[in-house]
């Protein structure tokens, strides 16, 4: 995010915590290794298998909430070549792009290629706990975040957004009742 936009945000309704998160790194896109995230953060879909459709849906819902709060485009990539036949593919939305690797490629390869290509437009953050993947992303100029750290960031940002909405709704209700 540009310094000019950060200065403009200083005058907006966003709290300092959200402003700090928005202005620390000007991200073009966040690339998430889907199964790495699901394996590292079992609280995402408790009681569901890590490779299940339900777990993927829950992760996409969290990423959509994060996108709604910050507006940074998110792409989540799953290894899809080894999925059993008939595994439902989740549709991409305006908030979260969902990709599955094809036969002969891995999610890591898709993420590496995207990080390299998008790097020309600004910083790209990759969320993974795969150490080999992290080294490759750093070598192409990307920013790395661990899955647990990113989940914490998602929860912080979305809870802050909910607090702001509640405060706004109370203020509007008060204005309406006057």
N, C-alpha and C. Protein backbone atom coordinates (compact mmCIF):
# COMPACT_ATOMS: atom_id res chain seq x y z
N UNK A 1 0.86 -1.17 0.00
CA UNK A 1 0.00 0.00 0.00
C UNK A 1 0.91 1.23 0.00
N UNK A 2 0.55 2.20 -0.77
CA UNK A 2 1.40 3.37 -0.92
C UNK A 2 1.37 4.23 0.35
N UNK A 3 2.47 4.97 0.60
CA UNK A 3 2.48 5.86 1.76
C UNK A 3 1.36 6.90 1.70
N UNK A 4 1.01 7.35 0.47
CA UNK A 4 -0.07 8.32 0.33
C UNK A 4 -1.39 7.72 0.81
N UNK A 5 -1.66 6.50 0.39
CA UNK A 5 -2.88 5.84 0.82
C UNK A 5 -2.85 5.60 2.32
N UNK A 6 -1.70 5.27 2.87
CA UNK A 6 -1.58 5.09 4.33
C UNK A 6 -1.90 6.40 5.04
N UNK A 7 -1.43 7.51 4.50
CA UNK A 7 -1.74 8.81 5.12
C UNK A 7 -3.24 9.08 5.06
N UNK A 8 -3.87 8.75 3.93
CA UNK A 8 -5.31 8.93 3.82
C UNK A 8 -6.05 8.06 4.81
N UNK A 9 -5.58 6.85 5.02
CA UNK A 9 -6.21 5.95 5.98
C UNK A 9 -6.15 6.52 7.39
N UNK A 10 -5.12 7.32 7.66
CA UNK A 10 -4.99 7.91 8.98
C UNK A 10 -6.18 8.79 9.33
N UNK A 11 -6.86 9.30 8.32
CA UNK A 11 -8.03 10.16 8.55
C UNK A 11 -9.33 9.38 8.50
N UNK A 12 -9.25 8.09 8.22
CA UNK A 12 -10.48 7.32 8.03
C UNK A 12 -11.00 6.76 9.34
N UNK A 13 -12.03 5.95 9.24
CA UNK A 13 -12.69 5.36 10.39
C UNK A 13 -11.97 4.12 10.92
N UNK A 14 -10.91 3.66 10.24
CA UNK A 14 -10.21 2.45 10.69
C UNK A 14 -9.43 2.72 11.96
N UNK A 15 -9.38 1.73 12.82
CA UNK A 15 -8.61 1.87 14.04
C UNK A 15 -7.12 1.77 13.73
N UNK A 16 -6.30 2.18 14.68
CA UNK A 16 -4.86 2.15 14.47
C UNK A 16 -4.34 0.74 14.20
N UNK A 17 -4.90 -0.25 14.86
CA UNK A 17 -4.44 -1.63 14.65
C UNK A 17 -4.64 -2.09 13.22
N UNK A 18 -5.80 -1.82 12.65
CA UNK A 18 -6.06 -2.21 11.28
C UNK A 18 -5.21 -1.36 10.33
N UNK A 19 -5.06 -0.07 10.62
CA UNK A 19 -4.22 0.78 9.78
C UNK A 19 -2.79 0.25 9.76
N UNK A 20 -2.28 -0.16 10.92
CA UNK A 20 -0.92 -0.66 11.01
C UNK A 20 -0.77 -1.92 10.15
N UNK A 21 -1.76 -2.83 10.20
CA UNK A 21 -1.71 -4.03 9.38
C UNK A 21 -1.76 -3.70 7.90
N UNK A 22 -2.58 -2.72 7.52
CA UNK A 22 -2.71 -2.35 6.13
C UNK A 22 -1.47 -1.68 5.58
N UNK A 23 -0.79 -0.92 6.39
CA UNK A 23 0.29 -0.08 5.90
C UNK A 23 1.67 -0.69 6.08
N UNK A 24 1.78 -1.84 6.70
CA UNK A 24 3.10 -2.40 6.93
C UNK A 24 3.71 -2.95 5.66
N UNK A 25 2.95 -3.66 4.84
CA UNK A 25 3.47 -4.25 3.62
C UNK A 25 2.49 -4.00 2.48
N UNK A 26 2.97 -3.38 1.40
CA UNK A 26 2.07 -3.15 0.26
C UNK A 26 1.93 -4.43 -0.56
N UNK A 27 0.95 -5.23 -0.24
CA UNK A 27 0.80 -6.53 -0.88
C UNK A 27 -0.03 -6.45 -2.15
N UNK A 28 0.44 -7.11 -3.19
CA UNK A 28 -0.29 -7.24 -4.43
C UNK A 28 -1.28 -8.39 -4.31
N UNK A 29 -0.84 -9.47 -3.67
CA UNK A 29 -1.66 -10.67 -3.52
C UNK A 29 -1.10 -11.52 -2.40
N UNK A 30 -1.99 -12.29 -1.79
CA UNK A 30 -1.61 -13.28 -0.78
C UNK A 30 -1.86 -14.64 -1.40
N UNK A 31 -0.83 -15.48 -1.43
CA UNK A 31 -0.94 -16.83 -1.96
C UNK A 31 -0.88 -17.79 -0.78
N UNK A 32 -1.89 -18.65 -0.65
CA UNK A 32 -1.99 -19.54 0.49
C UNK A 32 -1.87 -20.99 0.02
N UNK A 33 -0.94 -21.73 0.62
CA UNK A 33 -0.84 -23.17 0.38
C UNK A 33 -1.96 -23.81 1.20
N UNK A 34 -3.03 -24.18 0.53
CA UNK A 34 -4.26 -24.60 1.19
C UNK A 34 -4.10 -25.75 2.17
N UNK A 35 -3.47 -26.84 1.73
CA UNK A 35 -3.36 -27.99 2.63
C UNK A 35 -2.34 -27.76 3.72
N UNK A 36 -1.32 -26.96 3.47
CA UNK A 36 -0.38 -26.60 4.53
C UNK A 36 -1.12 -25.85 5.63
N UNK A 37 -1.98 -24.93 5.22
CA UNK A 37 -2.77 -24.15 6.17
C UNK A 37 -3.71 -25.06 6.96
N UNK A 38 -4.38 -25.97 6.29
CA UNK A 38 -5.32 -26.87 6.97
C UNK A 38 -4.61 -27.82 7.94
N UNK A 39 -3.42 -28.29 7.57
CA UNK A 39 -2.68 -29.20 8.45
C UNK A 39 -2.09 -28.47 9.65
N UNK A 40 -1.71 -27.23 9.47
CA UNK A 40 -1.06 -26.47 10.55
C UNK A 40 -2.05 -25.85 11.52
N UNK A 41 -3.28 -25.70 11.11
CA UNK A 41 -4.28 -25.01 11.93
C UNK A 41 -5.52 -25.88 12.06
N UNK A 42 -5.48 -26.92 12.90
CA UNK A 42 -6.61 -27.84 13.01
C UNK A 42 -7.89 -27.17 13.51
N UNK A 43 -7.79 -26.01 14.10
CA UNK A 43 -8.97 -25.31 14.58
C UNK A 43 -9.83 -24.73 13.48
N UNK A 44 -9.35 -24.75 12.25
CA UNK A 44 -10.11 -24.20 11.13
C UNK A 44 -11.39 -25.00 10.90
N UNK A 45 -11.30 -26.32 10.92
CA UNK A 45 -12.49 -27.16 10.71
C UNK A 45 -12.44 -28.32 11.69
N UNK A 46 -12.71 -28.05 12.96
CA UNK A 46 -12.60 -29.11 13.95
C UNK A 46 -13.55 -30.27 13.65
N UNK A 47 -13.01 -31.47 13.80
CA UNK A 47 -13.83 -32.66 13.58
C UNK A 47 -13.95 -33.08 12.12
N UNK A 48 -13.37 -32.34 11.22
CA UNK A 48 -13.43 -32.66 9.79
C UNK A 48 -12.05 -33.11 9.32
N UNK A 49 -12.02 -34.02 8.35
CA UNK A 49 -10.75 -34.46 7.79
C UNK A 49 -10.06 -33.29 7.10
N UNK A 50 -8.75 -33.24 7.22
CA UNK A 50 -7.98 -32.12 6.65
C UNK A 50 -8.17 -31.96 5.14
N UNK A 51 -8.36 -33.05 4.42
CA UNK A 51 -8.51 -32.97 2.96
C UNK A 51 -9.97 -32.94 2.53
N UNK A 52 -10.88 -32.77 3.47
CA UNK A 52 -12.30 -32.83 3.14
C UNK A 52 -12.78 -31.54 2.49
N UNK A 53 -13.87 -31.69 1.77
CA UNK A 53 -14.52 -30.55 1.15
C UNK A 53 -14.93 -29.52 2.21
N UNK A 54 -15.39 -30.01 3.37
CA UNK A 54 -15.84 -29.13 4.45
C UNK A 54 -14.68 -28.28 5.00
N UNK A 55 -13.51 -28.90 5.16
CA UNK A 55 -12.34 -28.16 5.65
C UNK A 55 -11.93 -27.09 4.65
N UNK A 56 -11.94 -27.44 3.36
CA UNK A 56 -11.58 -26.44 2.34
C UNK A 56 -12.58 -25.30 2.34
N UNK A 57 -13.86 -25.61 2.45
CA UNK A 57 -14.88 -24.56 2.49
C UNK A 57 -14.68 -23.62 3.68
N UNK A 58 -14.37 -24.19 4.83
CA UNK A 58 -14.16 -23.37 6.03
C UNK A 58 -12.96 -22.45 5.86
N UNK A 59 -11.88 -22.97 5.28
CA UNK A 59 -10.70 -22.14 5.01
C UNK A 59 -11.05 -21.01 4.06
N UNK A 60 -11.78 -21.31 3.02
CA UNK A 60 -12.15 -20.28 2.05
C UNK A 60 -13.04 -19.23 2.69
N UNK A 61 -13.91 -19.64 3.59
CA UNK A 61 -14.76 -18.67 4.31
C UNK A 61 -13.89 -17.73 5.15
N UNK A 62 -12.90 -18.27 5.85
CA UNK A 62 -11.98 -17.43 6.64
C UNK A 62 -11.22 -16.45 5.74
N UNK A 63 -10.73 -16.95 4.61
CA UNK A 63 -9.98 -16.09 3.69
C UNK A 63 -10.87 -15.02 3.07
N UNK A 64 -12.13 -15.35 2.84
CA UNK A 64 -13.08 -14.36 2.31
C UNK A 64 -13.32 -13.26 3.34
N UNK A 65 -13.49 -13.64 4.60
CA UNK A 65 -13.66 -12.64 5.66
C UNK A 65 -12.44 -11.73 5.74
N UNK A 66 -11.26 -12.31 5.61
CA UNK A 66 -10.01 -11.53 5.65
C UNK A 66 -9.98 -10.55 4.47
N UNK A 67 -10.32 -11.04 3.29
CA UNK A 67 -10.36 -10.17 2.12
C UNK A 67 -11.37 -9.04 2.32
N UNK A 68 -12.53 -9.36 2.88
CA UNK A 68 -13.54 -8.34 3.12
C UNK A 68 -13.04 -7.25 4.05
N UNK A 69 -12.22 -7.62 5.01
CA UNK A 69 -11.70 -6.64 5.98
C UNK A 69 -10.60 -5.78 5.39
N UNK A 70 -9.71 -6.38 4.58
CA UNK A 70 -8.55 -5.62 4.10
C UNK A 70 -8.55 -5.31 2.61
N UNK A 71 -9.23 -6.13 1.82
CA UNK A 71 -9.28 -5.88 0.39
C UNK A 71 -8.12 -6.44 -0.41
N UNK A 72 -7.16 -7.07 0.22
CA UNK A 72 -6.03 -7.65 -0.51
C UNK A 72 -6.49 -8.93 -1.20
N UNK A 73 -6.24 -9.06 -2.50
CA UNK A 73 -6.63 -10.28 -3.20
C UNK A 73 -5.94 -11.51 -2.62
N UNK A 74 -6.68 -12.61 -2.53
CA UNK A 74 -6.16 -13.85 -1.96
C UNK A 74 -6.36 -14.98 -2.97
N UNK A 75 -5.32 -15.79 -3.13
CA UNK A 75 -5.41 -17.00 -3.93
C UNK A 75 -5.02 -18.16 -3.03
N UNK A 76 -5.89 -19.17 -2.96
CA UNK A 76 -5.58 -20.38 -2.19
C UNK A 76 -5.39 -21.51 -3.20
N UNK A 77 -4.27 -22.24 -3.03
CA UNK A 77 -3.91 -23.29 -3.97
C UNK A 77 -3.89 -24.63 -3.24
N UNK A 78 -4.61 -25.61 -3.79
CA UNK A 78 -4.65 -26.95 -3.24
C UNK A 78 -4.01 -27.92 -4.23
N UNK A 79 -3.36 -28.96 -3.70
CA UNK A 79 -2.90 -30.05 -4.55
C UNK A 79 -4.15 -30.79 -4.98
N UNK A 80 -4.43 -30.79 -6.28
CA UNK A 80 -5.66 -31.40 -6.77
C UNK A 80 -5.46 -32.63 -7.61
N UNK A 81 -4.23 -32.87 -8.05
CA UNK A 81 -4.00 -33.99 -8.95
C UNK A 81 -4.28 -35.33 -8.28
N UNK A 82 -4.02 -35.44 -6.99
CA UNK A 82 -4.21 -36.71 -6.30
C UNK A 82 -5.56 -36.86 -5.65
N UNK A 83 -6.45 -35.92 -5.86
CA UNK A 83 -7.77 -35.97 -5.23
C UNK A 83 -8.59 -37.11 -5.85
N UNK A 84 -9.41 -37.76 -5.03
CA UNK A 84 -10.24 -38.84 -5.58
C UNK A 84 -11.20 -38.31 -6.64
N UNK A 85 -11.57 -39.13 -7.61
CA UNK A 85 -12.54 -38.69 -8.63
C UNK A 85 -13.84 -38.25 -7.96
N UNK A 86 -14.42 -37.21 -8.50
CA UNK A 86 -15.68 -36.71 -7.96
C UNK A 86 -15.51 -35.71 -6.82
N UNK A 87 -14.26 -35.41 -6.43
CA UNK A 87 -14.03 -34.41 -5.39
C UNK A 87 -14.52 -33.07 -5.91
N UNK A 88 -15.45 -32.43 -5.20
CA UNK A 88 -15.98 -31.16 -5.72
C UNK A 88 -14.91 -30.07 -5.72
N UNK A 89 -14.84 -29.37 -6.82
CA UNK A 89 -13.95 -28.22 -6.94
C UNK A 89 -14.71 -27.00 -6.46
N UNK A 90 -14.07 -26.20 -5.64
CA UNK A 90 -14.72 -25.00 -5.13
C UNK A 90 -14.53 -23.88 -6.14
N UNK A 91 -15.55 -23.09 -6.31
CA UNK A 91 -15.52 -22.01 -7.29
C UNK A 91 -14.81 -20.79 -6.71
N UNK A 92 -14.05 -20.13 -7.55
CA UNK A 92 -13.42 -18.88 -7.17
C UNK A 92 -14.49 -17.80 -7.07
N UNK A 93 -14.22 -16.82 -6.22
CA UNK A 93 -15.11 -15.67 -6.10
C UNK A 93 -14.28 -14.42 -6.34
N UNK A 94 -14.92 -13.28 -6.29
CA UNK A 94 -14.19 -12.02 -6.43
C UNK A 94 -13.21 -11.82 -5.28
N UNK A 95 -13.52 -12.39 -4.12
CA UNK A 95 -12.69 -12.22 -2.93
C UNK A 95 -11.53 -13.20 -2.89
N UNK A 96 -11.80 -14.45 -3.22
CA UNK A 96 -10.78 -15.50 -3.08
C UNK A 96 -10.76 -16.36 -4.34
N UNK A 97 -9.59 -16.41 -4.95
CA UNK A 97 -9.39 -17.27 -6.11
C UNK A 97 -8.98 -18.65 -5.58
N UNK A 98 -9.63 -19.71 -6.06
CA UNK A 98 -9.35 -21.07 -5.62
C UNK A 98 -8.78 -21.84 -6.80
N UNK A 99 -7.56 -22.38 -6.61
CA UNK A 99 -6.90 -23.14 -7.67
C UNK A 99 -6.56 -24.54 -7.17
N UNK A 100 -6.63 -25.51 -8.06
CA UNK A 100 -6.20 -26.87 -7.78
C UNK A 100 -5.13 -27.21 -8.81
N UNK A 101 -4.04 -27.83 -8.36
CA UNK A 101 -3.00 -28.23 -9.30
C UNK A 101 -3.51 -29.36 -10.18
N UNK A 102 -2.94 -29.47 -11.34
CA UNK A 102 -3.30 -30.53 -12.29
C UNK A 102 -2.32 -31.70 -12.15
N UNK A 103 -2.58 -32.75 -12.87
CA UNK A 103 -1.67 -33.90 -12.87
C UNK A 103 -0.29 -33.45 -13.34
N UNK A 104 0.73 -33.89 -12.65
CA UNK A 104 2.10 -33.54 -13.03
C UNK A 104 2.61 -32.25 -12.42
N UNK A 105 1.83 -31.60 -11.60
CA UNK A 105 2.30 -30.39 -10.93
C UNK A 105 1.78 -30.38 -9.50
N UNK A 106 2.42 -29.57 -8.68
CA UNK A 106 2.02 -29.46 -7.28
C UNK A 106 1.54 -28.06 -6.99
N UNK A 107 0.88 -27.91 -5.87
CA UNK A 107 0.46 -26.58 -5.44
C UNK A 107 1.69 -25.69 -5.25
N UNK A 108 2.76 -26.27 -4.73
CA UNK A 108 4.00 -25.50 -4.53
C UNK A 108 4.49 -24.90 -5.84
N UNK A 109 4.44 -25.66 -6.91
CA UNK A 109 4.91 -25.16 -8.20
C UNK A 109 4.03 -24.00 -8.69
N UNK A 110 2.73 -24.13 -8.51
CA UNK A 110 1.82 -23.04 -8.91
C UNK A 110 2.10 -21.78 -8.09
N UNK A 111 2.31 -21.95 -6.81
CA UNK A 111 2.57 -20.81 -5.92
C UNK A 111 3.89 -20.14 -6.29
N UNK A 112 4.92 -20.94 -6.53
CA UNK A 112 6.23 -20.37 -6.89
C UNK A 112 6.14 -19.57 -8.18
N UNK A 113 5.47 -20.13 -9.18
CA UNK A 113 5.34 -19.43 -10.46
C UNK A 113 4.55 -18.14 -10.31
N UNK A 114 3.45 -18.20 -9.56
CA UNK A 114 2.64 -16.99 -9.34
C UNK A 114 3.41 -15.93 -8.57
N UNK A 115 4.14 -16.34 -7.54
CA UNK A 115 4.92 -15.38 -6.75
C UNK A 115 5.98 -14.70 -7.62
N UNK A 116 6.63 -15.47 -8.47
CA UNK A 116 7.64 -14.92 -9.36
C UNK A 116 7.02 -13.91 -10.33
N UNK A 117 5.91 -14.29 -10.97
CA UNK A 117 5.28 -13.42 -11.96
C UNK A 117 4.65 -12.18 -11.34
N UNK A 118 4.03 -12.32 -10.19
CA UNK A 118 3.38 -11.17 -9.55
C UNK A 118 4.38 -10.24 -8.89
N UNK A 119 5.58 -10.72 -8.62
CA UNK A 119 6.61 -9.91 -7.97
C UNK A 119 6.94 -8.64 -8.73
N UNK A 120 6.72 -8.64 -10.02
CA UNK A 120 6.98 -7.44 -10.83
C UNK A 120 6.00 -6.31 -10.51
N UNK A 121 4.87 -6.63 -9.89
CA UNK A 121 3.83 -5.64 -9.60
C UNK A 121 3.82 -5.16 -8.15
N UNK A 122 4.64 -5.77 -7.31
CA UNK A 122 4.68 -5.41 -5.90
C UNK A 122 4.95 -6.64 -5.06
N UNK A 123 4.77 -6.50 -3.76
CA UNK A 123 5.09 -7.61 -2.86
C UNK A 123 3.98 -8.65 -2.85
N UNK A 124 4.41 -9.89 -2.81
CA UNK A 124 3.52 -11.04 -2.74
C UNK A 124 3.84 -11.78 -1.45
N UNK A 125 2.80 -12.07 -0.68
CA UNK A 125 3.01 -12.84 0.55
C UNK A 125 2.53 -14.26 0.32
N UNK A 126 3.37 -15.22 0.70
CA UNK A 126 3.02 -16.63 0.59
C UNK A 126 2.87 -17.18 2.00
N UNK A 127 1.77 -17.89 2.22
CA UNK A 127 1.48 -18.49 3.52
C UNK A 127 1.69 -19.99 3.38
N UNK A 128 2.73 -20.50 4.06
CA UNK A 128 3.03 -21.92 4.03
C UNK A 128 3.94 -22.27 5.21
N UNK A 129 3.92 -23.53 5.58
CA UNK A 129 4.86 -24.02 6.59
C UNK A 129 5.89 -24.95 5.98
N UNK A 130 5.90 -25.06 4.67
CA UNK A 130 6.85 -25.90 3.94
C UNK A 130 8.16 -25.12 3.83
N UNK A 131 9.22 -25.60 4.49
CA UNK A 131 10.48 -24.86 4.54
C UNK A 131 11.15 -24.75 3.17
N UNK A 132 11.08 -25.78 2.35
CA UNK A 132 11.67 -25.70 1.01
C UNK A 132 10.93 -24.64 0.19
N UNK A 133 9.62 -24.61 0.33
CA UNK A 133 8.80 -23.61 -0.37
C UNK A 133 9.16 -22.20 0.09
N UNK A 134 9.35 -22.05 1.38
CA UNK A 134 9.71 -20.74 1.94
C UNK A 134 11.01 -20.23 1.34
N UNK A 135 12.02 -21.11 1.27
CA UNK A 135 13.31 -20.71 0.71
C UNK A 135 13.17 -20.26 -0.75
N UNK A 136 12.38 -20.99 -1.51
CA UNK A 136 12.18 -20.64 -2.93
C UNK A 136 11.49 -19.29 -3.06
N UNK A 137 10.47 -19.07 -2.26
CA UNK A 137 9.72 -17.81 -2.33
C UNK A 137 10.60 -16.64 -1.95
N UNK A 138 11.39 -16.80 -0.91
CA UNK A 138 12.31 -15.73 -0.51
C UNK A 138 13.30 -15.44 -1.64
N UNK A 139 13.76 -16.49 -2.34
CA UNK A 139 14.74 -16.30 -3.41
C UNK A 139 14.16 -15.53 -4.60
N UNK A 140 12.84 -15.56 -4.78
CA UNK A 140 12.23 -14.79 -5.87
C UNK A 140 11.68 -13.45 -5.39
N UNK A 141 11.97 -13.11 -4.12
CA UNK A 141 11.60 -11.80 -3.61
C UNK A 141 10.26 -11.73 -2.90
N UNK A 142 9.66 -12.87 -2.61
CA UNK A 142 8.38 -12.87 -1.93
C UNK A 142 8.53 -12.75 -0.42
N UNK A 143 7.42 -12.48 0.24
CA UNK A 143 7.35 -12.37 1.70
C UNK A 143 6.68 -13.65 2.21
N UNK A 144 7.19 -14.18 3.30
CA UNK A 144 6.69 -15.43 3.85
C UNK A 144 5.95 -15.18 5.16
N UNK A 145 4.89 -15.94 5.38
CA UNK A 145 4.19 -15.93 6.65
C UNK A 145 3.87 -17.37 7.00
N UNK A 146 4.03 -17.74 8.25
CA UNK A 146 3.67 -19.09 8.67
C UNK A 146 2.15 -19.21 8.74
N UNK A 147 1.67 -20.42 8.67
CA UNK A 147 0.22 -20.65 8.69
C UNK A 147 -0.39 -20.19 10.01
N UNK A 148 0.24 -20.52 11.12
CA UNK A 148 -0.31 -20.15 12.43
C UNK A 148 -0.32 -18.63 12.61
N UNK A 149 0.75 -17.98 12.18
CA UNK A 149 0.82 -16.52 12.27
C UNK A 149 -0.26 -15.87 11.40
N UNK A 150 -0.46 -16.40 10.22
CA UNK A 150 -1.47 -15.85 9.32
C UNK A 150 -2.87 -16.06 9.88
N UNK A 151 -3.11 -17.23 10.47
CA UNK A 151 -4.42 -17.48 11.09
C UNK A 151 -4.66 -16.48 12.20
N UNK A 152 -3.64 -16.20 13.01
CA UNK A 152 -3.77 -15.18 14.07
C UNK A 152 -4.10 -13.82 13.47
N UNK A 153 -3.43 -13.49 12.39
CA UNK A 153 -3.68 -12.21 11.72
C UNK A 153 -5.11 -12.15 11.20
N UNK A 154 -5.59 -13.24 10.62
CA UNK A 154 -6.97 -13.29 10.12
C UNK A 154 -7.94 -13.04 11.26
N UNK A 155 -7.74 -13.74 12.38
CA UNK A 155 -8.64 -13.61 13.52
C UNK A 155 -8.61 -12.20 14.10
N UNK A 156 -7.41 -11.61 14.18
CA UNK A 156 -7.29 -10.23 14.68
C UNK A 156 -8.03 -9.24 13.78
N UNK A 157 -7.80 -9.34 12.49
CA UNK A 157 -8.39 -8.40 11.54
C UNK A 157 -9.91 -8.56 11.49
N UNK A 158 -10.39 -9.80 11.44
CA UNK A 158 -11.84 -9.99 11.35
C UNK A 158 -12.55 -9.61 12.65
N UNK A 159 -11.92 -9.85 13.80
CA UNK A 159 -12.57 -9.44 15.05
C UNK A 159 -12.57 -7.92 15.17
N UNK A 160 -11.54 -7.27 14.69
CA UNK A 160 -11.50 -5.80 14.68
C UNK A 160 -12.59 -5.25 13.76
N UNK A 161 -12.77 -5.88 12.62
CA UNK A 161 -13.82 -5.44 11.70
C UNK A 161 -15.19 -5.60 12.35
N UNK A 162 -15.42 -6.70 13.05
CA UNK A 162 -16.70 -6.93 13.72
C UNK A 162 -16.93 -5.87 14.80
N UNK A 163 -15.87 -5.54 15.56
CA UNK A 163 -16.00 -4.49 16.59
C UNK A 163 -16.36 -3.15 15.95
N UNK A 164 -15.72 -2.83 14.86
CA UNK A 164 -16.01 -1.57 14.18
C UNK A 164 -17.44 -1.53 13.67
N UNK A 165 -17.90 -2.65 13.12
CA UNK A 165 -19.28 -2.70 12.63
C UNK A 165 -20.28 -2.57 13.76
N UNK A 166 -20.01 -3.23 14.89
CA UNK A 166 -20.91 -3.10 16.04
C UNK A 166 -20.95 -1.67 16.54
N UNK A 167 -19.78 -1.02 16.63
CA UNK A 167 -19.72 0.37 17.07
C UNK A 167 -20.48 1.27 16.10
N UNK A 168 -20.27 1.05 14.83
CA UNK A 168 -20.96 1.84 13.81
C UNK A 168 -22.47 1.65 13.92
N UNK A 169 -22.91 0.40 14.07
CA UNK A 169 -24.34 0.13 14.17
C UNK A 169 -24.95 0.77 15.41
N UNK A 170 -24.23 0.76 16.54
CA UNK A 170 -24.73 1.42 17.75
C UNK A 170 -24.87 2.92 17.52
N UNK A 171 -23.87 3.52 16.87
CA UNK A 171 -23.92 4.95 16.60
C UNK A 171 -25.08 5.29 15.67
N UNK A 172 -25.27 4.49 14.64
CA UNK A 172 -26.37 4.74 13.71
C UNK A 172 -27.72 4.55 14.39
N UNK A 173 -27.82 3.54 15.24
CA UNK A 173 -29.07 3.32 15.95
C UNK A 173 -29.37 4.50 16.88
N UNK A 174 -28.34 4.99 17.54
CA UNK A 174 -28.49 6.14 18.41
C UNK A 174 -28.94 7.37 17.62
N UNK A 175 -28.31 7.60 16.47
CA UNK A 175 -28.69 8.73 15.62
C UNK A 175 -30.12 8.58 15.12
N UNK A 176 -30.51 7.36 14.78
CA UNK A 176 -31.85 7.12 14.26
C UNK A 176 -32.90 7.36 15.35
N UNK A 177 -32.59 6.99 16.59
CA UNK A 177 -33.55 7.13 17.69
C UNK A 177 -33.70 8.58 18.18
N UNK A 178 -32.82 9.44 17.76
CA UNK A 178 -32.89 10.85 18.22
C UNK A 178 -33.93 11.63 17.48
